[in-house]
Amino acid sequence: ESEFEGVILESTFTNIRAAAIHLTETKISEGDNRFWSHISTRFVKCYPITQTFATDKKIAKIRSPLFIAASVNDEVIPFHMSEELALENKNAQLYISKEGNHYSSEWLKPKVLEFLNKIKK
């Protein structure tokens, strides 16, 4: 395992299947065309995938200081996924903001600077 001075995860999904299910169930992936939502959700749930991007299975291996941040306003990646990830690593510092969204992360800068200053000492 490589050691880093710190790891920062922003609006991170637990795994790719969970993210895809969220996007199809909420119809975010379809924009205004919501016809295929039910079918695409069923497809995503059973389609075999080779790359799982399983952050939830790997996050416990991170030994470096870990900062996980999300916004309650993020519709693309729900903040509860960040909460789930924080539970998998006892060293994780979790920050859930009431500001910002998936496309706006100005809310994060002060907290990231605070985290970085803490780990520099």
Protein backbone atom coordinates (compact mmCIF):
# COMPACT_ATOMS: atom_id res chain seq x y z
CA GLU A 1 0.00 0.00 0.00
CA SER A 2 1.31 3.43 -0.95
CA GLU A 3 1.25 6.10 1.67
CA PHE A 4 0.17 9.60 0.72
CA GLU A 5 0.23 12.69 2.88
CA GLY A 6 -3.53 12.83 2.46
CA VAL A 7 -6.41 11.69 0.27
CA ILE A 8 -9.40 13.84 -0.65
CA LEU A 9 -12.60 12.40 -2.12
CA GLU A 10 -15.28 14.77 -3.33
CA SER A 11 -18.78 13.56 -4.25
CA THR A 12 -17.52 10.02 -4.68
CA PHE A 13 -19.77 7.08 -5.47
CA THR A 14 -19.58 3.77 -3.62
CA ASN A 15 -19.34 1.71 -6.82
CA ILE A 16 -20.25 2.16 -10.47
CA ARG A 17 -23.37 -0.04 -10.36
CA ALA A 18 -24.83 1.89 -7.42
CA ALA A 19 -24.12 5.17 -9.21
CA ALA A 20 -25.71 3.92 -12.44
CA ILE A 21 -28.78 2.67 -10.59
CA HIS A 22 -29.14 6.06 -8.92
CA LEU A 23 -28.83 7.88 -12.25
CA THR A 24 -31.42 5.68 -13.96
CA GLU A 25 -33.89 5.50 -11.06
CA THR A 26 -33.87 9.27 -10.64
CA LYS A 27 -33.99 9.73 -14.43
CA ILE A 28 -31.01 12.10 -14.27
CA SER A 29 -29.29 10.18 -17.05
CA GLU A 30 -32.20 10.73 -19.44
CA GLY A 31 -32.81 14.45 -19.16
CA ASP A 32 -36.25 15.25 -20.50
CA ASN A 33 -36.70 11.87 -22.19
CA ARG A 34 -37.90 9.75 -19.26
CA PHE A 35 -39.41 6.90 -21.24
CA TRP A 36 -36.55 4.41 -20.77
CA SER A 37 -35.97 4.89 -17.04
CA HIS A 38 -37.64 1.70 -15.82
CA ILE A 39 -36.00 -0.45 -18.49
CA SER A 40 -32.56 1.11 -18.07
CA THR A 41 -32.66 0.62 -14.29
CA ARG A 42 -33.46 -3.07 -14.71
CA PHE A 43 -30.68 -3.36 -17.30
CA VAL A 44 -28.12 -1.67 -15.06
CA LYS A 45 -28.98 -3.94 -12.12
CA CYS A 46 -28.21 -7.15 -14.00
CA TYR A 47 -25.70 -6.21 -16.72
CA PRO A 48 -22.30 -7.84 -16.10
CA ILE A 49 -19.60 -5.22 -15.62
CA THR A 50 -15.86 -5.80 -15.68
CA GLN A 51 -14.79 -2.52 -14.10
CA THR A 52 -16.70 -2.00 -10.85
CA PHE A 53 -14.86 1.10 -9.61
CA ALA A 54 -15.63 -0.27 -6.14
CA THR A 55 -14.52 2.50 -3.84
CA ASP A 56 -16.54 0.84 -1.08
CA LYS A 57 -14.36 -2.29 -1.32
CA LYS A 58 -11.04 -0.39 -1.43
CA ILE A 59 -11.46 2.55 0.90
CA ALA A 60 -10.58 0.60 4.06
CA LYS A 61 -7.08 0.08 2.62
CA ILE A 62 -6.30 3.80 2.69
CA ARG A 63 -3.94 4.40 5.61
CA SER A 64 -3.28 8.08 4.91
CA PRO A 65 -5.40 10.86 6.37
CA LEU A 66 -8.67 10.77 4.44
CA PHE A 67 -11.14 13.59 3.84
CA ILE A 68 -14.50 12.75 2.26
CA ALA A 69 -16.83 15.57 1.24
CA ALA A 70 -20.23 15.82 -0.39
CA SER A 71 -23.13 18.24 -0.71
CA VAL A 72 -26.72 17.47 0.27
CA ASN A 73 -27.69 19.27 -2.96
CA ASP A 74 -25.75 16.89 -5.21
CA GLU A 75 -28.30 15.17 -7.43
CA VAL A 76 -25.72 13.24 -9.48
CA ILE A 77 -23.98 11.40 -6.64
CA PRO A 78 -26.10 11.32 -3.47
CA PHE A 79 -24.34 12.39 -0.29
CA HIS A 80 -25.34 9.18 1.48
CA MET A 81 -22.72 7.38 -0.63
CA SER A 82 -20.04 9.54 1.03
CA GLU A 83 -21.51 8.66 4.42
CA GLU A 84 -21.32 4.96 3.55
CA LEU A 85 -17.70 5.30 2.46
CA ALA A 86 -16.73 7.12 5.66
CA LEU A 87 -18.09 4.20 7.68
CA GLU A 88 -15.68 1.87 5.87
CA ASN A 89 -12.53 3.74 6.96
CA LYS A 90 -12.08 4.60 10.64
CA ASN A 91 -9.61 7.38 9.75
CA ALA A 92 -12.00 9.20 7.43
CA GLN A 93 -13.03 12.74 8.17
CA LEU A 94 -16.50 13.30 6.69
CA TYR A 95 -17.89 16.67 5.70
CA ILE A 96 -21.42 17.02 4.35
CA SER A 97 -22.20 20.54 3.16
CA LYS A 98 -25.55 22.26 2.84
CA GLU A 99 -23.98 24.44 0.13
CA GLY A 100 -22.97 23.74 -3.46
CA ASN A 101 -23.88 20.84 -5.71
CA HIS A 102 -22.17 18.36 -8.03
CA TYR A 103 -21.04 21.07 -10.44
CA SER A 104 -20.10 23.71 -7.90
CA SER A 105 -17.46 23.05 -5.28
CA GLU A 106 -16.55 26.49 -3.94
CA TRP A 107 -18.10 25.34 -0.66
CA LEU A 108 -15.31 22.80 -0.33
CA LYS A 109 -12.23 25.03 -0.54
CA PRO A 110 -12.14 26.22 3.11
CA LYS A 111 -12.61 22.67 4.43
CA VAL A 112 -9.92 21.26 2.12
CA LEU A 113 -7.47 23.96 3.23
CA GLU A 114 -8.29 23.16 6.85
CA PHE A 115 -7.66 19.44 6.21
CA LEU A 116 -4.39 20.12 4.39
CA ASN A 117 -3.16 22.42 7.13
CA LYS A 118 -3.92 19.74 9.73
CA ILE A 119 -1.97 17.03 7.95
CA LYS A 120 1.06 19.27 7.28
CA LYS A 121 1.83 19.44 11.01
